[in-house]
C-alpha atoms as a PDB file:
ATOM      1  CA  MET A   1      83.028  78.106  87.689  1.00  0.00           C
ATOM      2  CA  ALA A   2      82.290  80.339  90.652  1.00  0.00           C
ATOM      3  CA  THR A   3      84.360  83.450  91.235  1.00  0.00           C
ATOM      4  CA  LYS A   4      86.368  83.809  94.437  1.00  0.00           C
ATOM      5  CA  ASN A   5      83.749  86.212  95.814  1.00  0.00           C
ATOM      6  CA  GLN A   6      80.976  83.736  94.997  1.00  0.00           C
ATOM      7  CA  GLN A   7      82.918  80.985  96.781  1.00  0.00           C
ATOM      8  CA  MET A   8      83.354  83.257  99.794  1.00  0.00           C
ATOM      9  CA  GLN A   9      79.661  84.137  99.756  1.00  0.00           C
ATOM     10  CA  SER A  10      78.818  80.433  99.719  1.00  0.00           C
ATOM     11  CA  PHE A  11      81.133  79.885 102.669  1.00  0.00           C
ATOM     12  CA  ILE A  12      79.435  82.683 104.616  1.00  0.00           C
ATOM     13  CA  ARG A  13      76.116  80.895 104.077  1.00  0.00           C
ATOM     14  CA  TYR A  14      77.779  77.629 105.205  1.00  0.00           C
ATOM     15  CA  TYR A  15      79.086  79.374 108.339  1.00  0.00           C
ATOM     16  CA  ILE A  16      75.609  80.708 109.176  1.00  0.00           C
ATOM     17  CA  ASP A  17      74.034  77.302 108.630  1.00  0.00           C
ATOM     18  CA  GLU A  18      76.685  75.552 110.752  1.00  0.00           C
ATOM     19  CA  THR A  19      76.674  78.035 113.635  1.00  0.00           C
ATOM     20  CA  ASP A  20      72.996  79.058 113.523  1.00  0.00           C
ATOM     21  CA  LYS A  21      74.110  82.646 114.214  1.00  0.00           C
ATOM     22  CA  THR A  22      72.070  85.611 113.025  1.00  0.00           C
ATOM     23  CA  GLU A  23      74.890  88.071 113.739  1.00  0.00           C
ATOM     24  CA  PHE A  24      78.518  87.201 113.127  1.00  0.00           C
ATOM     25  CA  ASP A  25      82.035  88.583 112.959  1.00  0.00           C
ATOM     26  CA  MET A  26      83.905  88.043 109.686  1.00  0.00           C
ATOM     27  CA  HIS A  27      87.015  87.107 111.676  1.00  0.00           C
ATOM     28  CA  ASP A  28      85.054  84.113 112.997  1.00  0.00           C
ATOM     29  CA  VAL A  29      83.981  83.236 109.455  1.00  0.00           C
ATOM     30  CA  ALA A  30      87.601  83.481 108.255  1.00  0.00           C
ATOM     31  CA  GLN A  31      88.823  81.380 111.171  1.00  0.00           C
ATOM     32  CA  MET A  32      86.343  78.610 110.321  1.00  0.00           C
ATOM     33  CA  ALA A  33      87.316  78.857 106.650  1.00  0.00           C
ATOM     34  CA  VAL A  34      90.992  78.355 107.520  1.00  0.00           C
ATOM     35  CA  LYS A  35      90.098  75.346 109.699  1.00  0.00           C
ATOM     36  CA  LYS A  36      88.191  73.919 106.718  1.00  0.00           C
ATOM     37  CA  GLY A  37      91.252  74.268 104.469  1.00  0.00           C
ATOM     38  CA  TRP A  38      90.730  77.700 102.970  1.00  0.00           C
ATOM     39  CA  LYS A  39      94.111  79.112 101.995  1.00  0.00           C
ATOM     40  CA  LEU A  40      95.176  82.367 103.578  1.00  0.00           C
ATOM     41  CA  PRO A  41      95.821  85.114 100.999  1.00  0.00           C
ATOM     42  CA  LYS A  42      99.320  86.218 100.175  1.00  0.00           C
ATOM     43  CA  PRO A  43     100.134  89.234 102.317  1.00  0.00           C
ATOM     44  CA  GLN A  44     100.442  92.633 100.688  1.00  0.00           C
ATOM     45  CA  SER A  45     103.910  93.948 100.134  1.00  0.00           C
ATOM     46  CA  ALA A  46     105.256  96.430 102.637  1.00  0.00           C
ATOM     47  CA  LEU A  47     105.206  99.081  99.891  1.00  0.00           C
ATOM     48  CA  ASP A  48     101.503  98.410  99.151  1.00  0.00           C
ATOM     49  CA  ILE A  49     100.666  98.705 102.852  1.00  0.00           C
ATOM     50  CA  LEU A  50     102.642 101.930 103.180  1.00  0.00           C
ATOM     51  CA  ALA A  51     100.981 103.397 100.062  1.00  0.00           C
ATOM     52  CA  LYS A  52      97.539 102.581 101.516  1.00  0.00           C
ATOM     53  CA  GLN A  53      98.537 104.225 104.794  1.00  0.00           C
ATOM     54  CA  PHE A  54      99.567 107.352 102.874  1.00  0.00           C
ATOM     55  CA  SER A  55      96.237 107.296 101.001  1.00  0.00           C
ATOM     56  CA  ASP A  56      94.337 106.975 104.282  1.00  0.00           C
ATOM     57  CA  ALA A  57      96.340 109.832 105.803  1.00  0.00           C
ATOM     58  CA  ALA A  58      95.753 112.005 102.725  1.00  0.00           C
ATOM     59  CA  ARG A  59      92.012 111.298 102.829  1.00  0.00           C
ATOM     60  CA  GLU A  60      91.872 112.482 106.468  1.00  0.00           C
ATOM     61  CA  GLU A  61      93.821 115.745 106.187  1.00  0.00           C
ATOM     62  CA  THR A  62      91.699 118.858 106.422  1.00  0.00           C
ATOM     63  CA  LYS A  63      92.357 122.570 106.643  1.00  0.00           C
ATOM     64  CA  GLN A  64      90.091 125.475 107.429  1.00  0.00           C
ATOM     65  CA  ASP A  65      88.906 127.795 104.689  1.00  0.00           C
ATOM     66  CA  GLY A  66      90.410 131.247 105.244  1.00  0.00           C
ATOM     67  CA  LYS A  67      87.121 133.047 104.559  1.00  0.00           C
ATOM     68  CA  THR A  68      84.432 130.754 106.009  1.00  0.00           C
ATOM     69  CA  GLY A  69      86.476 128.953 108.662  1.00  0.00           C
ATOM     70  CA  ARG A  70      84.909 125.673 107.533  1.00  0.00           C
ATOM     71  CA  PRO A  71      86.973 122.536 107.028  1.00  0.00           C
ATOM     72  CA  TYR A  72      87.813 121.131 103.615  1.00  0.00           C
ATOM     73  CA  ARG A  73      89.729 118.080 102.471  1.00  0.00           C
ATOM     74  CA  VAL A  74      93.257 118.903 101.311  1.00  0.00           C
ATOM     75  CA  TYR A  75      94.015 115.921  99.083  1.00  0.00           C
ATOM     76  CA  HIS A  76      91.648 114.575  96.440  1.00  0.00           C
ATOM     77  CA  ALA A  77      91.821 111.440  94.318  1.00  0.00           C
ATOM     78  CA  PHE A  78      90.857 110.904  90.688  1.00  0.00           C
ATOM     79  CA  LYS A  79      91.320 108.365  87.925  1.00  0.00           C
ATOM     80  CA  PRO A  80      93.132 109.767  84.873  1.00  0.00           C
ATOM     81  CA  ASP A  81      91.800 109.107  81.367  1.00  0.00           C
ATOM     82  CA  GLY A  82      92.923 105.989  79.542  1.00  0.00           C
ATOM     83  CA  ASN A  83      96.574 105.730  80.522  1.00  0.00           C
ATOM     84  CA  GLY A  84      96.101 102.581  82.603  1.00  0.00           C
ATOM     85  CA  GLN A  85      97.448 104.290  85.693  1.00  0.00           C
ATOM     86  CA  GLY A  86      95.618 103.827  88.975  1.00  0.00           C
ATOM     87  CA  THR A  87      94.378 106.561  91.242  1.00  0.00           C
ATOM     88  CA  LEU A  88      96.257 109.838  91.349  1.00  0.00           C
ATOM     89  CA  TRP A  89      96.089 112.443  94.107  1.00  0.00           C
ATOM     90  CA  PHE A  90      96.381 116.238  94.157  1.00  0.00           C
ATOM     91  CA  ASP A  91      96.424 119.077  96.669  1.00  0.00           C
ATOM     92  CA  ILE A  92      93.257 121.169  96.298  1.00  0.00           C
ATOM     93  CA  ASP A  93      95.248 124.347  97.092  1.00  0.00           C
ATOM     94  CA  ASP A  94      97.785 123.806  94.299  1.00  0.00           C
ATOM     95  CA  SER A  95      97.006 126.465  91.683  1.00  0.00           C
ATOM     96  CA  LYS A  96      98.700 124.365  88.970  1.00  0.00           C
ATOM     97  CA  VAL A  97      96.127 121.549  89.292  1.00  0.00           C
ATOM     98  CA  PRO A  98      93.691 121.747  86.381  1.00  0.00           C
ATOM     99  CA  ARG A  99      89.953 122.101  87.022  1.00  0.00           C
ATOM    100  CA  LYS A 100      89.328 118.799  85.203  1.00  0.00           C
ATOM    101  CA  ASN A 101      91.068 116.881  88.019  1.00  0.00           C
ATOM    102  CA  MET A 102      88.785 118.383  90.689  1.00  0.00           C
ATOM    103  CA  HIS A 103      85.792 117.773  88.443  1.00  0.00           C
ATOM    104  CA  LYS A 104      86.769 114.085  88.021  1.00  0.00           C
ATOM    105  CA  SER A 105      87.289 113.752  91.766  1.00  0.00           C
ATOM    106  CA  ALA A 106      83.893 115.296  92.529  1.00  0.00           C
ATOM    107  CA  ILE A 107      82.117 113.106  89.963  1.00  0.00           C
ATOM    108  CA  MET A 108      83.880 109.991  91.301  1.00  0.00           C
ATOM    109  CA  ARG A 109      82.758 110.779  94.865  1.00  0.00           C
ATOM    110  CA  ARG A 110      79.207 111.557  93.693  1.00  0.00           C
ATOM    111  CA  GLU A 111      79.077 108.220  91.854  1.00  0.00           C
ATOM    112  CA  GLN A 112      80.069 106.470  95.089  1.00  0.00           C
ATOM    113  CA  MET A 113      77.158 108.214  96.840  1.00  0.00           C
ATOM    114  CA  VAL A 114      74.727 107.255  94.068  1.00  0.00           C
ATOM    115  CA  GLY A 115      75.917 103.649  94.211  1.00  0.00           C
ATOM    116  CA  ASP A 116      75.387 103.565  97.978  1.00  0.00           C
ATOM    117  CA  ALA A 117      71.914 105.119  97.641  1.00  0.00           C
ATOM    118  CA  LEU A 118      70.894 102.664  94.921  1.00  0.00           C
ATOM    119  CA  GLN A 119      72.034  99.660  96.933  1.00  0.00           C
ATOM    120  CA  LEU A 120      70.317 100.957 100.080  1.00  0.00           C
ATOM    121  CA  THR A 121      67.081 101.335  98.097  1.00  0.00           C
ATOM    122  CA  LEU A 122      67.341  97.803  96.703  1.00  0.00           C
ATOM    123  CA  ASP A 123      68.118  96.423 100.179  1.00  0.00           C
ATOM    124  CA  LEU A 124      65.130  98.218 101.729  1.00  0.00           C
ATOM    125  CA  ASP A 125      62.836  97.133  98.871  1.00  0.00           C
ATOM    126  CA  HIS A 126      63.782  93.535  99.619  1.00  0.00           C
ATOM    127  CA  TRP A 127      63.403  94.002 103.406  1.00  0.00           C
ATOM    128  CA  HIS A 128      59.915  95.457 102.945  1.00  0.00           C
ATOM    129  CA  ARG A 129      58.900  92.656 100.592  1.00  0.00           C
ATOM    130  CA  ILE A 130      59.905  89.870 102.996  1.00  0.00           C
ATOM    131  CA  HIS A 131      58.635  91.745 106.106  1.00  0.00           C
ATOM    132  CA  PRO A 132      55.220  92.963 104.909  1.00  0.00           C
ATOM    133  CA  GLY A 133      53.835  93.285 108.447  1.00  0.00           C
ATOM    134  CA  GLU A 134      56.622  95.599 109.609  1.00  0.00           C
ATOM    135  CA  GLU A 135      56.497  99.386 109.513  1.00  0.00           C
ATOM    136  CA  VAL A 136      58.143 100.714 106.350  1.00  0.00           C
ATOM    137  CA  ILE A 137      61.682 102.007 106.864  1.00  0.00           C
ATOM    138  CA  ASP A 138      61.691 105.353 105.092  1.00  0.00           C
ATOM    139  CA  VAL A 139      65.147 106.760 104.385  1.00  0.00           C
ATOM    140  CA  PRO A 140      64.925 109.931 102.280  1.00  0.00           C
ATOM    141  CA  LEU A 141      67.576 110.016  99.580  1.00  0.00           C
ATOM    142  CA  ASP A 142      67.459 113.766  98.995  1.00  0.00           C
ATOM    143  CA  LEU A 143      70.535 114.603 101.038  1.00  0.00           C
ATOM    144  CA  GLN A 144      70.508 118.341 100.330  1.00  0.00           C
ATOM    145  CA  PRO A 145      68.472 119.315 103.435  1.00  0.00           C
ATOM    146  CA  ASP A 146      70.837 117.276 105.627  1.00  0.00           C
ATOM    147  CA  VAL A 147      73.909 118.782 103.971  1.00  0.00           C
ATOM    148  CA  ASP A 148      72.484 122.302 104.338  1.00  0.00           C
ATOM    149  CA  TRP A 149      71.554 121.710 108.004  1.00  0.00           C
ATOM    150  CA  ARG A 150      75.008 120.394 108.884  1.00  0.00           C
ATOM    151  CA  LYS A 151      76.754 123.101 106.892  1.00  0.00           C
ATOM    152  CA  ASN A 152      74.716 125.829 108.599  1.00  0.00           C
ATOM    153  CA  SER A 153      75.247 124.318 112.050  1.00  0.00           C
ATOM    154  CA  MET A 154      79.037 124.517 111.591  1.00  0.00           C
ATOM    155  CA  GLY A 155      79.129 128.269 111.987  1.00  0.00           C
ATOM    156  CA  GLY A 156      82.443 129.668 110.932  1.00  0.00           C
ATOM    157  CA  GLY A 157      81.543 133.024 109.482  1.00  0.00           C
ATOM    158  CA  ASN A 158      80.453 133.774 105.964  1.00  0.00           C
ATOM    159  CA  THR A 159      78.123 131.150 104.461  1.00  0.00           C
ATOM    160  CA  GLU A 160      78.858 132.154 100.855  1.00  0.00           C
ATOM    161  CA  ALA A 161      80.974 129.852  98.703  1.00  0.00           C
ATOM    162  CA  ALA A 162      84.634 130.631  99.194  1.00  0.00           C
END
């Protein structure tokens, strides 16, 4: 039996075939799905929505480093070991937060970057295979020069680690 995501993926293909569109808005896909009898999902609880809004707000908050003047994210998320609890957050400036939490947060964010880079590579490999006459799309995955360039273009005083 197909998973819900597989069913949705099949419906996207159906939508493309029915509309003959090469570019489409997922709201239009969802609207057609509802017209075809697809059941709307149960809405999130108000508490779930509010918690997500707090997470989004936490993810956006930045401060400026007192020495370099550069911005840094205040709140960081991590998944604790084996207690079944979801994502926990901490304030990077809280001296009581153990190093292991920041390390887990950094590794989690790096893994997200690696996952994105891997999928981009697989997508481009496929694009190049089915478009052999097109110029190769070269997207370097060594991000360090880009990070260094942006970091150095920020200014803000001392460039040493704070």
